[in-house]
C-alpha atoms as a PDB file:
ATOM      1  CA  MET A   1      32.796  19.445 -36.577  1.00  0.00           C
ATOM      2  CA  PRO A   2      30.559  20.362 -33.619  1.00  0.00           C
ATOM      3  CA  ASN A   3      30.932  23.882 -32.271  1.00  0.00           C
ATOM      4  CA  LEU A   4      31.026  24.954 -28.623  1.00  0.00           C
ATOM      5  CA  LYS A   5      27.270  25.510 -28.494  1.00  0.00           C
ATOM      6  CA  ASP A   6      26.537  21.987 -29.737  1.00  0.00           C
ATOM      7  CA  LEU A   7      28.937  20.479 -27.204  1.00  0.00           C
ATOM      8  CA  LYS A   8      27.315  22.460 -24.405  1.00  0.00           C
ATOM      9  CA  GLU A   9      23.842  21.272 -25.417  1.00  0.00           C
ATOM     10  CA  LEU A  10      25.104  17.692 -25.653  1.00  0.00           C
ATOM     11  CA  MET A  11      26.661  17.875 -22.171  1.00  0.00           C
ATOM     12  CA  THR A  12      23.490  19.418 -20.736  1.00  0.00           C
ATOM     13  CA  LYS A  13      21.371  16.666 -22.268  1.00  0.00           C
ATOM     14  CA  ALA A  14      23.726  13.948 -20.997  1.00  0.00           C
ATOM     15  CA  ASN A  15      23.731  15.470 -17.511  1.00  0.00           C
ATOM     16  CA  SER A  16      19.924  15.654 -17.502  1.00  0.00           C
ATOM     17  CA  GLU A  17      19.627  12.028 -18.604  1.00  0.00           C
ATOM     18  CA  TYR A  18      22.102  10.985 -15.901  1.00  0.00           C
ATOM     19  CA  LYS A  19      20.118  12.802 -13.198  1.00  0.00           C
ATOM     20  CA  ASN A  20      16.853  11.262 -14.389  1.00  0.00           C
ATOM     21  CA  SER A  21      18.431   7.808 -14.446  1.00  0.00           C
ATOM     22  CA  LYS A  22      19.876   8.321 -10.962  1.00  0.00           C
ATOM     23  CA  GLU A  23      16.525   9.479  -9.543  1.00  0.00           C
ATOM     24  CA  LYS A  24      14.776   6.529 -11.187  1.00  0.00           C
ATOM     25  CA  ASN A  25      17.287   4.070  -9.709  1.00  0.00           C
ATOM     26  CA  GLU A  26      16.909   5.637  -6.252  1.00  0.00           C
ATOM     27  CA  LYS A  27      13.116   5.274  -6.454  1.00  0.00           C
ATOM     28  CA  HIS A  28      13.447   1.647  -7.528  1.00  0.00           C
ATOM     29  CA  TYR A  29      15.941   0.993  -4.715  1.00  0.00           C
ATOM     30  CA  ALA A  30      13.560   2.448  -2.122  1.00  0.00           C
ATOM     31  CA  PHE A  31      10.658   0.388  -3.482  1.00  0.00           C
ATOM     32  CA  TYR A  32      12.629  -2.872  -3.551  1.00  0.00           C
ATOM     33  CA  THR A  33      13.955  -2.194  -0.043  1.00  0.00           C
ATOM     34  CA  VAL A  34      10.436  -1.761   1.338  1.00  0.00           C
ATOM     35  CA  MET A  35       9.205  -4.853  -0.521  1.00  0.00           C
ATOM     36  CA  SER A  36      12.130  -6.906   0.840  1.00  0.00           C
ATOM     37  CA  ILE A  37      11.409  -5.813   4.417  1.00  0.00           C
ATOM     38  CA  TYR A  38       7.719  -6.555   3.860  1.00  0.00           C
ATOM     39  CA  ALA A  39       8.493 -10.041   2.515  1.00  0.00           C
ATOM     40  CA  ILE A  40      10.835 -10.881   5.408  1.00  0.00           C
ATOM     41  CA  ALA A  41       8.302  -9.668   7.979  1.00  0.00           C
ATOM     42  CA  SER A  42       5.492 -11.643   6.335  1.00  0.00           C
ATOM     43  CA  LEU A  43       7.513 -14.876   6.482  1.00  0.00           C
ATOM     44  CA  SER A  44       8.279 -14.417  10.181  1.00  0.00           C
ATOM     45  CA  VAL A  45       5.007 -16.156  11.082  1.00  0.00           C
ATOM     46  CA  PHE A  46       6.636 -19.521  10.333  1.00  0.00           C
ATOM     47  CA  ILE A  47       9.339 -19.093  12.993  1.00  0.00           C
ATOM     48  CA  MET A  48       7.379 -17.410  15.790  1.00  0.00           C
ATOM     49  CA  PRO A  49       7.064 -19.476  18.990  1.00  0.00           C
ATOM     50  CA  LYS A  50       3.498 -20.236  20.089  1.00  0.00           C
ATOM     51  CA  ASP A  51       4.004 -18.346  23.350  1.00  0.00           C
ATOM     52  CA  ILE A  52       5.772 -15.365  21.805  1.00  0.00           C
ATOM     53  CA  LEU A  53       3.857 -12.804  23.877  1.00  0.00           C
ATOM     54  CA  GLU A  54       4.581 -14.641  27.124  1.00  0.00           C
ATOM     55  CA  ARG A  55       8.286 -14.646  26.372  1.00  0.00           C
ATOM     56  CA  ASP A  56       8.686 -10.924  25.732  1.00  0.00           C
ATOM     57  CA  GLU A  57       6.837  -8.179  27.602  1.00  0.00           C
ATOM     58  CA  ILE A  58       7.786  -5.550  25.013  1.00  0.00           C
ATOM     59  CA  LEU A  59       6.129  -7.550  22.238  1.00  0.00           C
ATOM     60  CA  LEU A  60       3.077  -8.040  24.460  1.00  0.00           C
ATOM     61  CA  LYS A  61       2.754  -4.307  25.131  1.00  0.00           C
ATOM     62  CA  PHE A  62       3.261  -3.574  21.442  1.00  0.00           C
ATOM     63  CA  THR A  63       0.493  -6.018  20.482  1.00  0.00           C
ATOM     64  CA  GLU A  64      -1.871  -4.644  23.133  1.00  0.00           C
ATOM     65  CA  PHE A  65      -1.152  -1.101  21.958  1.00  0.00           C
ATOM     66  CA  MET A  66      -1.884  -1.999  18.335  1.00  0.00           C
ATOM     67  CA  ALA A  67      -5.034  -3.925  19.329  1.00  0.00           C
ATOM     68  CA  GLY A  68      -6.370  -0.708  20.839  1.00  0.00           C
ATOM     69  CA  TYR A  69      -6.423   0.836  17.364  1.00  0.00           C
ATOM     70  CA  PHE A  70      -6.999  -2.185  15.114  1.00  0.00           C
ATOM     71  CA  PRO A  71      -9.938  -4.389  16.250  1.00  0.00           C
ATOM     72  CA  ASN A  72      -9.075  -7.259  13.896  1.00  0.00           C
ATOM     73  CA  ILE A  73      -6.051  -8.161  16.045  1.00  0.00           C
ATOM     74  CA  SER A  74      -8.259  -9.268  18.947  1.00  0.00           C
ATOM     75  CA  VAL A  75     -10.852 -10.843  16.629  1.00  0.00           C
ATOM     76  CA  PHE A  76      -8.260 -12.927  14.774  1.00  0.00           C
ATOM     77  CA  SER A  77      -6.627 -13.930  18.051  1.00  0.00           C
ATOM     78  CA  GLU A  78      -9.914 -15.190  19.513  1.00  0.00           C
ATOM     79  CA  ALA A  79     -10.705 -17.166  16.349  1.00  0.00           C
ATOM     80  CA  SER A  80      -7.304 -18.837  16.142  1.00  0.00           C
ATOM     81  CA  SER A  81      -5.766 -21.891  17.760  1.00  0.00           C
ATOM     82  CA  LEU A  82      -2.504 -19.892  17.792  1.00  0.00           C
ATOM     83  CA  PRO A  83      -3.755 -16.724  19.518  1.00  0.00           C
ATOM     84  CA  GLN A  84      -0.400 -15.212  20.456  1.00  0.00           C
ATOM     85  CA  VAL A  85       1.136 -15.846  17.053  1.00  0.00           C
ATOM     86  CA  VAL A  86      -1.765 -14.417  15.071  1.00  0.00           C
ATOM     87  CA  ALA A  87      -2.136 -11.428  17.412  1.00  0.00           C
ATOM     88  CA  PHE A  88       1.497 -10.352  17.162  1.00  0.00           C
ATOM     89  CA  TYR A  89       1.735 -11.200  13.461  1.00  0.00           C
ATOM     90  CA  THR A  90      -1.354  -9.137  12.624  1.00  0.00           C
ATOM     91  CA  ALA A  91      -0.009  -6.207  14.657  1.00  0.00           C
ATOM     92  CA  LEU A  92       3.380  -6.454  12.951  1.00  0.00           C
ATOM     93  CA  MET A  93       1.847  -6.627   9.485  1.00  0.00           C
ATOM     94  CA  TRP A  94      -0.224  -3.520  10.170  1.00  0.00           C
ATOM     95  CA  ILE A  95       3.050  -1.622  10.576  1.00  0.00           C
ATOM     96  CA  MET A  96       4.410  -3.215   7.408  1.00  0.00           C
ATOM     97  CA  GLY A  97       1.116  -2.516   5.637  1.00  0.00           C
ATOM     98  CA  ILE A  98       1.265   1.176   6.523  1.00  0.00           C
ATOM     99  CA  LEU A  99       4.797   1.288   5.126  1.00  0.00           C
ATOM    100  CA  LEU A 100       3.626  -0.452   1.954  1.00  0.00           C
ATOM    101  CA  PHE A 101       0.657   1.929   1.693  1.00  0.00           C
ATOM    102  CA  LEU A 102       3.031   4.896   1.804  1.00  0.00           C
ATOM    103  CA  MET A 103       5.096   3.404  -1.026  1.00  0.00           C
ATOM    104  CA  PHE A 104       2.009   2.820  -3.166  1.00  0.00           C
ATOM    105  CA  PHE A 105       0.690   6.282  -2.315  1.00  0.00           C
ATOM    106  CA  ILE A 106       3.975   7.962  -3.251  1.00  0.00           C
ATOM    107  CA  GLY A 107       4.010   6.054  -6.538  1.00  0.00           C
ATOM    108  CA  PHE A 108       0.442   7.111  -7.350  1.00  0.00           C
ATOM    109  CA  PHE A 109       1.164  10.671  -6.207  1.00  0.00           C
ATOM    110  CA  ILE A 110       4.171  10.941  -8.537  1.00  0.00           C
ATOM    111  CA  THR A 111       1.967   9.753 -11.407  1.00  0.00           C
ATOM    112  CA  PHE A 112      -0.674  12.314 -10.418  1.00  0.00           C
ATOM    113  CA  LEU A 113       1.876  15.153 -10.391  1.00  0.00           C
ATOM    114  CA  LYS A 114       3.194  14.038 -13.780  1.00  0.00           C
ATOM    115  CA  LYS A 115      -0.309  14.174 -15.264  1.00  0.00           C
ATOM    116  CA  LEU A 116      -0.863  17.541 -13.594  1.00  0.00           C
ATOM    117  CA  LYS A 117       2.363  18.920 -15.044  1.00  0.00           C
ATOM    118  CA  GLU A 118       1.491  17.673 -18.531  1.00  0.00           C
ATOM    119  CA  ASN A 119      -1.996  19.191 -18.117  1.00  0.00           C
ATOM    120  CA  THR A 120      -3.613  16.079 -19.571  1.00  0.00           C
ATOM    121  CA  PRO A 121      -6.730  14.159 -18.455  1.00  0.00           C
ATOM    122  CA  VAL A 122      -5.967  11.408 -15.963  1.00  0.00           C
ATOM    123  CA  PHE A 123      -8.630   8.992 -17.211  1.00  0.00           C
ATOM    124  CA  ASN A 124      -9.640   8.086 -20.722  1.00  0.00           C
ATOM    125  CA  LYS A 125     -13.240   8.112 -21.925  1.00  0.00           C
ATOM    126  CA  GLU A 126     -13.708   4.436 -21.141  1.00  0.00           C
ATOM    127  CA  PHE A 127     -12.924   5.038 -17.470  1.00  0.00           C
ATOM    128  CA  GLY A 128     -16.141   6.646 -16.274  1.00  0.00           C
ATOM    129  CA  ILE A 129     -17.658   7.680 -12.985  1.00  0.00           C
ATOM    130  CA  PHE A 130     -19.051   4.212 -12.280  1.00  0.00           C
ATOM    131  CA  SER A 131     -15.626   2.612 -12.675  1.00  0.00           C
ATOM    132  CA  MET A 132     -14.180   5.149 -10.268  1.00  0.00           C
ATOM    133  CA  LEU A 133     -16.942   4.614  -7.718  1.00  0.00           C
ATOM    134  CA  PHE A 134     -16.545   0.848  -7.964  1.00  0.00           C
ATOM    135  CA  LEU A 135     -12.793   1.017  -7.336  1.00  0.00           C
ATOM    136  CA  CYS A 136     -13.295   3.329  -4.354  1.00  0.00           C
ATOM    137  CA  TYR A 137     -16.028   1.080  -2.962  1.00  0.00           C
ATOM    138  CA  LEU A 138     -13.837  -1.990  -3.413  1.00  0.00           C
ATOM    139  CA  GLY A 139     -10.865  -0.330  -1.727  1.00  0.00           C
ATOM    140  CA  PHE A 140     -12.723   0.901   1.334  1.00  0.00           C
ATOM    141  CA  SER A 141     -14.806  -2.279   1.569  1.00  0.00           C
ATOM    142  CA  VAL A 142     -11.681  -4.446   1.723  1.00  0.00           C
ATOM    143  CA  PHE A 143     -10.202  -2.112   4.329  1.00  0.00           C
ATOM    144  CA  TYR A 144     -13.359  -2.067   6.474  1.00  0.00           C
ATOM    145  CA  HIS A 145     -13.896  -5.841   6.559  1.00  0.00           C
ATOM    146  CA  TYR A 146     -10.233  -6.484   7.309  1.00  0.00           C
ATOM    147  CA  PHE A 147     -10.088  -3.699   9.897  1.00  0.00           C
ATOM    148  CA  ILE A 148     -13.023  -5.008  11.965  1.00  0.00           C
ATOM    149  CA  GLY A 149     -11.938  -8.637  11.558  1.00  0.00           C
ATOM    150  CA  ASP A 150     -15.088  -9.682   9.730  1.00  0.00           C
ATOM    151  CA  ILE A 151     -13.128 -11.964   7.381  1.00  0.00           C
ATOM    152  CA  SER A 152     -12.303 -14.372  10.222  1.00  0.00           C
ATOM    153  CA  THR A 153     -15.881 -14.748  11.460  1.00  0.00           C
ATOM    154  CA  SER A 154     -17.933 -14.886   8.250  1.00  0.00           C
ATOM    155  CA  ARG A 155     -18.800 -18.108   6.470  1.00  0.00           C
ATOM    156  CA  PHE A 156     -16.506 -17.100   3.611  1.00  0.00           C
ATOM    157  CA  SER A 157     -13.478 -16.709   5.845  1.00  0.00           C
ATOM    158  CA  ILE A 158     -10.173 -18.509   5.952  1.00  0.00           C
ATOM    159  CA  HIS A 159      -9.933 -19.451   9.612  1.00  0.00           C
ATOM    160  CA  THR A 160      -6.600 -18.859  11.291  1.00  0.00           C
ATOM    161  CA  ASN A 161      -5.928 -22.371  12.555  1.00  0.00           C
ATOM    162  CA  ASN A 162      -2.391 -22.910  11.272  1.00  0.00           C
ATOM    163  CA  ARG A 163       0.589 -20.817  10.264  1.00  0.00           C
ATOM    164  CA  PHE A 164       0.147 -21.220   6.526  1.00  0.00           C
ATOM    165  CA  LYS A 165      -3.499 -20.090   6.672  1.00  0.00           C
ATOM    166  CA  ILE A 166      -2.499 -17.170   8.873  1.00  0.00           C
ATOM    167  CA  PHE A 167       0.181 -16.217   6.333  1.00  0.00           C
ATOM    168  CA  ILE A 168      -2.159 -16.467   3.334  1.00  0.00           C
ATOM    169  CA  MET A 169      -4.987 -14.544   4.984  1.00  0.00           C
ATOM    170  CA  ILE A 170      -2.941 -11.701   6.465  1.00  0.00           C
ATOM    171  CA  ILE A 171      -0.599 -11.182   3.504  1.00  0.00           C
ATOM    172  CA  THR A 172      -3.470 -11.221   0.991  1.00  0.00           C
ATOM    173  CA  PHE A 173      -5.703  -8.766   2.816  1.00  0.00           C
ATOM    174  CA  GLN A 174      -2.931  -6.539   4.165  1.00  0.00           C
ATOM    175  CA  THR A 175      -1.396  -6.123   0.719  1.00  0.00           C
ATOM    176  CA  GLY A 176      -4.838  -5.587  -0.796  1.00  0.00           C
ATOM    177  CA  VAL A 177      -5.751  -2.997   1.826  1.00  0.00           C
ATOM    178  CA  SER A 178      -2.514  -1.058   1.245  1.00  0.00           C
ATOM    179  CA  PHE A 179      -2.862  -1.089  -2.541  1.00  0.00           C
ATOM    180  CA  PHE A 180      -6.590  -0.381  -2.800  1.00  0.00           C
ATOM    181  CA  LEU A 181      -6.538   2.413  -0.214  1.00  0.00           C
ATOM    182  CA  ALA A 182      -3.672   4.166  -1.991  1.00  0.00           C
ATOM    183  CA  GLY A 183      -5.364   3.554  -5.330  1.00  0.00           C
ATOM    184  CA  SER A 184      -8.705   4.857  -4.080  1.00  0.00           C
ATOM    185  CA  LEU A 185      -7.137   8.083  -2.842  1.00  0.00           C
ATOM    186  CA  TYR A 186      -5.430   8.483  -6.216  1.00  0.00           C
ATOM    187  CA  VAL A 187      -8.706   7.901  -8.052  1.00  0.00           C
ATOM    188  CA  VAL A 188     -10.591  10.440  -5.911  1.00  0.00           C
ATOM    189  CA  ALA A 189      -7.847  13.071  -6.254  1.00  0.00           C
ATOM    190  CA  SER A 190      -7.616  12.462 -10.002  1.00  0.00           C
ATOM    191  CA  TRP A 191     -11.385  12.681 -10.406  1.00  0.00           C
ATOM    192  CA  VAL A 192     -11.516  16.024  -8.569  1.00  0.00           C
ATOM    193  CA  ARG A 193      -8.620  17.264 -10.669  1.00  0.00           C
ATOM    194  CA  GLN A 194     -10.360  16.157 -13.874  1.00  0.00           C
ATOM    195  CA  ILE A 195     -13.530  18.042 -12.915  1.00  0.00           C
ATOM    196  CA  ILE A 196     -11.460  21.194 -12.378  1.00  0.00           C
ATOM    197  CA  TYR A 197      -9.703  20.510 -15.696  1.00  0.00           C
ATOM    198  CA  LYS A 198     -13.037  20.326 -17.567  1.00  0.00           C
ATOM    199  CA  ILE A 199     -14.388  23.459 -15.876  1.00  0.00           C
ATOM    200  CA  LYS A 200     -11.282  25.418 -16.883  1.00  0.00           C
ATOM    201  CA  ASN A 201     -11.564  24.199 -20.478  1.00  0.00           C
ATOM    202  CA  LYS A 202     -15.207  25.301 -20.685  1.00  0.00           C
ATOM    203  CA  ARG A 203     -14.375  28.762 -19.383  1.00  0.00           C
ATOM    204  CA  SER A 204     -11.451  29.247 -21.760  1.00  0.00           C
END
């Protein structure tokens, strides 16, 4: 028959497991909520009127404001046969992309803190400096070419001439930019942390 101490330990363990499960479910709920909003926003390109910016001055000012910070909005608009649609859609997806980036970044940051708490190396031996540099280069390269709008003017581009092509191009690069930027920051932070980890081990 279990004594009072055993029952107390059992209740403490059950309470801890419940809290961990609750926190995990809350994190999943937040992630799925963001992904749902992102998916709905990305599909909005198929229902936007061709003259969307002429119909609403607020949307026009919003697009012009975003174009002042993100050059690809104007570049995509000039290269498209649906200039108003692609301009507003690109501006909208930048907002959604930033939100998605934050979700990816938080996820990577939680993983980083977990590794830090466990005091274990972040990367295995197979993941060397060249792999890290390649991932960082890939992440910032994707961001740069999308940011300046180079993907719509190069010979390898998918030109924004219809809604489906606009959808494919924007959703692919915007998602890639959000993921690779967050991943690159995680890789850099983890690499710095691993250097500090090795220095401490050598001194001890």
